[in-house]
Amino acid sequence: MTAFFLQTPASDAAYLALRDSQRAHIQEARRFIEHMWSLCGDFLDSDLRDRATRNFSGAFWELYLAFALNANGVHLVPRSERRPAKSGPDLLIREPRIWIEAVAPGPGQGADRVPDLMATPGVHAVPDEQLQLRLRSVIEEKHNRLLAYERRGWVRSDEPTIVAVGGAGLGLLHGDLNVPRIVRVAFSIGWEQLHLDPTTGQVVGQSHQYSPAVRKQSGEEVSTDLFVTPAYGRISALLYSASDALNRPTYPGADLILVLNPHATAPITPGWFHFMHEYHAEGDKLHHRQAGSA
């Protein structure tokens, strides 16, 4: 297997830093990337190395995802064995056949762009609505692409599909809540609220607000009910991680969050990805299974 990093001109600043820096922690990250590529390069697009020179975060996410799955015993199909070999979703699990379409969004454009909190000193509120809008936008885009793959016969209607979102490009400072943002976008879950005893002032319970939409700066509302109705049934599950080359778990895959779609046309069995944190709904109840638990 050839090296991942190319000694050619590159426009992505993160790529250049990882390739050329002599700092010890960056050299360690570079070795990790080369190790992942040596094990998993056959499962990925042949042009991934070239794309990394222009969009490193997207290439890293595909590579890390393949590595994390492989490290946890999930068998992937090499690109050379797929038909078509150079088109269709980014990854294919061998048994059961599950397709994975990966995306690593940036902050976006225009009035609803996720702000760069590092650019302005001080205390800032988490831009939760902008983050939800970015997630919602890329999931919509990938849903449409999966439908197109099915129309072309590249993905069968009975084969599950996962949209895997790498969130590192949205900003490390954007903390998540006890119900991750990717889950809230799927099930219309809003802010956590506490229930107080009016006589004692003691907390006696908690719940979450119902939040069916987020509002753009233009005033337009965008729904957050992706998995509440059958409209997005082509997506069997969402997968999320915010890890990047320098900020990642000791064991690959410990950071992965899986959100199962109860309306999927080709469902994934709960617990199949036992090494991931999993969320799934039964009726109006949302269940959370910790990674590694039964």
Protein backbone atom coordinates (compact mmCIF):
# COMPACT_ATOMS: atom_id res chain seq x y z
CA MET A 1 0.00 0.00 0.00
CA THR A 2 1.39 3.40 -0.98
CA ALA A 3 1.64 6.24 1.56
CA PHE A 4 -1.47 8.30 2.28
CA PHE A 5 0.22 11.69 2.22
CA LEU A 6 1.31 12.85 -1.22
CA GLN A 7 4.36 15.02 -1.83
CA THR A 8 2.42 17.25 -4.20
CA PRO A 9 0.91 20.75 -3.94
CA ALA A 10 -2.05 20.90 -1.55
CA SER A 11 -4.55 23.61 -0.67
CA ASP A 12 -5.96 22.27 2.60
CA ALA A 13 -4.23 23.84 5.62
CA ALA A 14 -4.88 20.86 7.92
CA TYR A 15 -3.45 18.48 5.34
CA LEU A 16 -0.29 20.56 4.98
CA ALA A 17 0.17 20.82 8.74
CA LEU A 18 -0.22 17.07 9.25
CA ARG A 19 2.07 16.22 6.34
CA ASP A 20 4.86 18.70 7.01
CA SER A 21 4.91 19.54 10.73
CA GLN A 22 7.74 18.21 12.88
CA ARG A 23 5.85 18.56 16.16
CA ALA A 24 5.73 15.28 18.05
CA HIS A 25 1.95 15.11 18.54
CA ILE A 26 1.30 15.89 14.88
CA GLN A 27 3.85 13.31 13.75
CA GLU A 28 2.01 10.78 15.93
CA ALA A 29 -1.27 11.72 14.23
CA ARG A 30 0.40 11.36 10.83
CA ARG A 31 1.62 7.87 11.72
CA PHE A 32 -1.90 6.96 12.86
CA ILE A 33 -3.35 8.11 9.52
CA GLU A 34 -0.76 6.14 7.56
CA HIS A 35 -1.55 3.08 9.72
CA MET A 36 -5.27 3.42 9.00
CA TRP A 37 -4.59 3.78 5.29
CA SER A 38 -2.36 0.69 5.21
CA LEU A 39 -5.18 -1.40 6.70
CA CYS A 40 -8.26 0.14 5.09
CA GLY A 41 -7.26 1.85 1.86
CA ASP A 42 -8.71 -0.99 -0.22
CA PHE A 43 -12.22 -0.26 1.10
CA LEU A 44 -12.19 3.39 -0.01
CA ASP A 45 -12.27 5.42 -3.19
CA SER A 46 -9.02 5.22 -5.14
CA ASP A 47 -8.92 9.04 -5.33
CA LEU A 48 -9.22 9.57 -1.56
CA ARG A 49 -5.57 10.57 -1.17
CA ASP A 50 -5.90 13.21 -3.87
CA ARG A 51 -9.17 14.55 -2.43
CA ALA A 52 -7.49 14.87 0.97
CA THR A 53 -5.17 17.57 -0.41
CA ARG A 54 -8.26 19.78 -0.96
CA ASN A 55 -10.69 18.51 1.70
CA PHE A 56 -8.80 16.75 4.45
CA SER A 57 -11.64 16.57 6.98
CA GLY A 58 -13.88 14.70 4.55
CA ALA A 59 -11.15 12.24 3.58
CA PHE A 60 -10.12 11.68 7.20
CA TRP A 61 -13.72 10.94 8.22
CA GLU A 62 -14.12 8.24 5.55
CA LEU A 63 -10.78 6.70 6.49
CA TYR A 64 -11.39 6.82 10.24
CA LEU A 65 -14.87 5.37 9.84
CA ALA A 66 -13.55 2.43 7.82
CA PHE A 67 -10.80 1.87 10.38
CA ALA A 68 -13.17 2.03 13.37
CA LEU A 69 -15.54 -0.48 11.80
CA ASN A 70 -12.70 -2.80 10.83
CA ALA A 71 -11.15 -2.57 14.31
CA ASN A 72 -14.44 -3.72 15.82
CA GLY A 73 -14.81 -6.78 13.62
CA VAL A 74 -17.10 -5.33 10.95
CA HIS A 75 -16.07 -6.77 7.58
CA LEU A 76 -16.05 -4.29 4.71
CA VAL A 77 -16.11 -5.05 0.99
CA PRO A 78 -13.04 -3.85 -0.97
CA ARG A 79 -13.84 -1.34 -3.70
CA SER A 80 -12.44 -3.71 -6.31
CA GLU A 81 -15.20 -6.24 -5.48
CA ARG A 82 -18.06 -3.73 -5.74
CA ARG A 83 -20.15 -3.02 -8.81
CA PRO A 84 -19.76 -0.27 -9.79
CA ALA A 85 -16.33 -0.07 -8.18
CA LYS A 86 -15.94 3.71 -8.40
CA SER A 87 -19.49 4.91 -7.73
CA GLY A 88 -22.21 4.57 -5.11
CA PRO A 89 -21.97 4.95 -1.32
CA ASP A 90 -18.59 5.30 0.34
CA LEU A 91 -18.49 1.99 2.25
CA LEU A 92 -20.19 -1.39 2.09
CA ILE A 93 -20.44 -3.83 4.99
CA ARG A 94 -20.22 -7.41 3.77
CA GLU A 95 -22.68 -9.29 6.00
CA PRO A 96 -25.33 -8.16 6.40
CA ARG A 97 -24.99 -5.86 3.42
CA ILE A 98 -25.25 -2.31 4.78
CA TRP A 99 -24.26 0.73 2.74
CA ILE A 100 -22.67 3.79 4.33
CA GLU A 101 -22.70 7.26 2.79
CA ALA A 102 -20.27 9.57 4.62
CA VAL A 103 -20.25 13.36 4.85
CA ALA A 104 -18.14 15.82 6.85
CA PRO A 105 -19.86 19.22 6.71
CA GLY A 106 -18.14 22.53 7.18
CA PRO A 107 -19.72 25.59 8.82
CA GLY A 108 -21.84 26.46 5.78
CA GLN A 109 -22.45 29.81 4.08
CA GLY A 110 -24.56 32.90 4.50
CA ALA A 111 -26.63 34.13 7.44
CA ASP A 112 -27.03 30.65 8.95
CA ARG A 113 -23.33 29.81 8.87
CA VAL A 114 -22.01 28.24 12.08
CA PRO A 115 -19.91 31.03 13.62
CA ASP A 116 -16.23 30.61 14.38
CA LEU A 117 -16.19 31.22 18.14
CA MET A 118 -12.39 31.22 18.16
CA ALA A 119 -12.36 34.35 16.02
CA THR A 120 -13.93 36.54 18.71
CA PRO A 121 -12.66 36.45 22.32
CA GLY A 122 -15.18 36.19 25.11
CA VAL A 123 -18.07 34.05 26.24
CA HIS A 124 -20.47 32.83 23.57
CA ALA A 125 -23.68 30.86 23.50
CA VAL A 126 -23.53 27.57 21.63
CA PRO A 127 -25.00 28.21 18.14
CA ASP A 128 -27.37 25.28 18.50
CA GLU A 129 -29.83 26.25 15.77
CA GLN A 130 -27.07 26.83 13.19
CA LEU A 131 -25.55 23.47 14.06
CA GLN A 132 -28.89 21.71 13.71
CA LEU A 133 -29.48 23.42 10.36
CA ARG A 134 -26.12 22.20 9.05
CA LEU A 135 -26.82 18.65 10.17
CA ARG A 136 -30.31 18.78 8.71
CA SER A 137 -29.02 20.10 5.38
CA VAL A 138 -26.35 17.45 4.80
CA ILE A 139 -28.66 14.63 5.89
CA GLU A 140 -31.28 15.83 3.40
CA GLU A 141 -28.64 15.94 0.66
CA LYS A 142 -27.45 12.42 1.40
CA HIS A 143 -31.01 11.08 1.61
CA ASN A 144 -31.62 12.34 -1.92
CA ARG A 145 -28.36 10.78 -3.08
CA LEU A 146 -29.30 7.41 -1.60
CA LEU A 147 -32.62 7.52 -3.46
CA ALA A 148 -30.68 8.19 -6.66
CA TYR A 149 -28.38 5.23 -5.98
CA GLU A 150 -31.43 3.02 -5.57
CA ARG A 151 -32.99 4.25 -8.83
CA ARG A 152 -29.76 3.39 -10.64
CA GLY A 153 -29.78 -0.12 -9.19
CA TRP A 154 -26.57 0.36 -7.20
CA VAL A 155 -28.37 -0.12 -3.86
CA ARG A 156 -31.26 -2.57 -3.51
CA SER A 157 -34.43 -1.44 -1.76
CA ASP A 158 -34.04 -4.15 0.89
CA GLU A 159 -30.46 -3.13 1.78
CA PRO A 160 -30.03 -0.89 4.84
CA THR A 161 -28.20 2.42 4.46
CA ILE A 162 -26.45 4.66 6.97
CA VAL A 163 -25.69 8.36 6.61
CA ALA A 164 -22.48 8.89 8.60
CA VAL A 165 -21.80 12.48 9.62
CA GLY A 166 -18.35 13.60 10.76
CA GLY A 167 -18.85 16.70 12.86
CA ALA A 168 -15.26 17.84 13.44
CA GLY A 169 -15.56 20.60 10.83
CA LEU A 170 -18.44 22.17 12.77
CA GLY A 171 -16.14 23.20 15.62
CA LEU A 172 -14.66 21.57 18.71
CA LEU A 173 -16.06 24.25 21.02
CA HIS A 174 -19.67 23.42 20.26
CA GLY A 175 -20.52 21.21 23.20
CA ASP A 176 -23.33 18.69 23.03
CA LEU A 177 -26.05 17.92 25.55
CA ASN A 178 -27.00 14.68 27.29
CA VAL A 179 -29.12 13.92 24.21
CA PRO A 180 -26.74 14.48 21.28
CA ARG A 181 -27.66 17.00 18.61
CA ILE A 182 -27.79 14.33 15.91
CA VAL A 183 -30.52 12.58 17.94
CA ARG A 184 -32.46 15.79 18.51
CA VAL A 185 -32.49 16.56 14.78
CA ALA A 186 -33.97 13.13 14.09
CA PHE A 187 -36.65 13.07 16.80
CA SER A 188 -37.70 16.73 17.34
CA ILE A 189 -36.16 16.85 20.82
CA GLY A 190 -35.61 20.31 22.29
CA TRP A 191 -34.00 21.66 25.42
CA GLU A 192 -33.97 19.72 28.65
CA GLN A 193 -36.40 21.03 31.28
CA LEU A 194 -36.53 20.34 35.00
CA HIS A 195 -39.73 19.75 36.98
CA LEU A 196 -39.82 21.48 40.38
CA ASP A 197 -42.03 20.82 43.35
CA PRO A 198 -43.82 24.17 43.83
CA THR A 199 -43.80 23.85 47.61
CA THR A 200 -40.21 22.75 48.19
CA GLY A 201 -38.45 23.95 45.04
CA GLN A 202 -36.81 20.53 44.74
CA VAL A 203 -36.24 18.89 41.36
CA VAL A 204 -38.72 16.02 41.05
CA GLY A 205 -38.25 15.10 37.41
CA GLN A 206 -36.97 16.11 34.02
CA SER A 207 -38.01 15.92 30.40
CA HIS A 208 -37.27 17.51 27.03
CA GLN A 209 -39.24 20.09 25.13
CA TYR A 210 -40.87 19.12 21.86
CA SER A 211 -39.04 21.04 19.12
CA PRO A 212 -40.43 20.20 15.65
CA ALA A 213 -38.41 22.84 13.78
CA VAL A 214 -35.51 25.28 13.88
CA ARG A 215 -35.73 28.74 12.43
CA LYS A 216 -33.40 30.22 9.84
CA GLN A 217 -32.35 33.87 9.99
CA SER A 218 -34.79 34.47 7.13
CA GLY A 219 -37.65 33.29 9.33
CA GLU A 220 -38.14 30.04 7.41
CA GLU A 221 -38.65 27.01 9.63
CA VAL A 222 -36.86 23.72 8.94
CA SER A 223 -38.29 20.53 10.41
CA THR A 224 -36.41 18.34 12.89
CA ASP A 225 -38.60 15.26 12.53
CA LEU A 226 -36.47 13.16 10.19
CA PHE A 227 -37.26 9.90 11.97
CA VAL A 228 -40.70 10.81 13.30
CA THR A 229 -42.47 10.07 10.01
CA PRO A 230 -41.73 7.64 7.12
CA ALA A 231 -40.55 10.47 4.84
CA TYR A 232 -36.87 9.56 5.28
CA GLY A 233 -37.34 5.81 5.38
CA ARG A 234 -34.50 5.25 2.87
CA ILE A 235 -32.09 6.15 5.69
CA SER A 236 -31.90 3.19 8.07
CA ALA A 237 -29.73 5.02 10.58
CA LEU A 238 -27.63 8.08 11.23
CA LEU A 239 -24.09 7.75 12.57
CA TYR A 240 -22.11 10.59 14.14
CA SER A 241 -18.71 11.42 15.57
CA ALA A 242 -16.84 14.68 16.14
CA SER A 243 -13.37 13.07 16.25
CA ASP A 244 -10.53 14.37 14.12
CA ALA A 245 -6.89 13.44 13.54
CA LEU A 246 -5.71 15.09 16.77
CA ASN A 247 -8.77 14.53 18.95
CA ARG A 248 -9.96 10.94 18.95
CA PRO A 249 -10.65 8.16 21.45
CA THR A 250 -7.97 5.74 22.56
CA TYR A 251 -9.99 2.89 21.10
CA PRO A 252 -11.41 3.53 17.63
CA GLY A 253 -15.20 3.50 17.49
CA ALA A 254 -15.80 4.41 21.15
CA ASP A 255 -16.97 7.83 19.92
CA LEU A 256 -19.56 6.61 17.40
CA ILE A 257 -23.25 7.43 17.96
CA LEU A 258 -25.85 5.45 16.02
CA VAL A 259 -29.46 6.65 15.65
CA LEU A 260 -31.85 4.03 14.27
CA ASN A 261 -34.82 5.02 12.12
CA PRO A 262 -38.03 3.31 13.32
CA HIS A 263 -39.60 3.99 9.90
CA ALA A 264 -36.73 2.56 7.84
CA THR A 265 -37.75 0.61 4.75
CA ALA A 266 -34.71 -1.59 5.38
CA PRO A 267 -34.18 -1.53 9.17
CA ILE A 268 -31.06 -2.33 11.14
CA THR A 269 -31.45 -4.64 14.13
CA PRO A 270 -30.95 -2.79 17.45
CA GLY A 271 -27.69 -3.81 19.08
CA TRP A 272 -26.04 -5.08 15.90
CA PHE A 273 -23.35 -2.38 16.16
CA HIS A 274 -22.72 -3.32 19.79
CA PHE A 275 -19.61 -1.15 20.11
CA MET A 276 -21.47 2.10 19.35
CA HIS A 277 -23.68 4.28 21.51
CA GLU A 278 -27.17 3.63 20.17
CA TYR A 279 -30.47 5.51 20.22
CA HIS A 280 -33.71 3.96 19.02
CA ALA A 281 -37.39 4.76 19.50
CA GLU A 282 -40.30 2.52 20.43
CA GLY A 283 -43.55 4.44 20.21
CA ASP A 284 -43.02 7.73 22.03
CA LYS A 285 -40.11 6.36 24.09
CA LEU A 286 -36.47 7.02 23.18
CA HIS A 287 -34.03 4.34 24.34
CA HIS A 288 -30.30 4.79 24.77
CA ARG A 289 -27.89 1.87 24.90
CA GLN A 290 -24.32 2.56 26.00
CA ALA A 291 -21.51 1.27 23.81
CA GLY A 292 -20.63 -2.30 24.64
CA SER A 293 -23.76 -3.03 26.69
CA ALA A 294 -26.28 -5.74 25.88
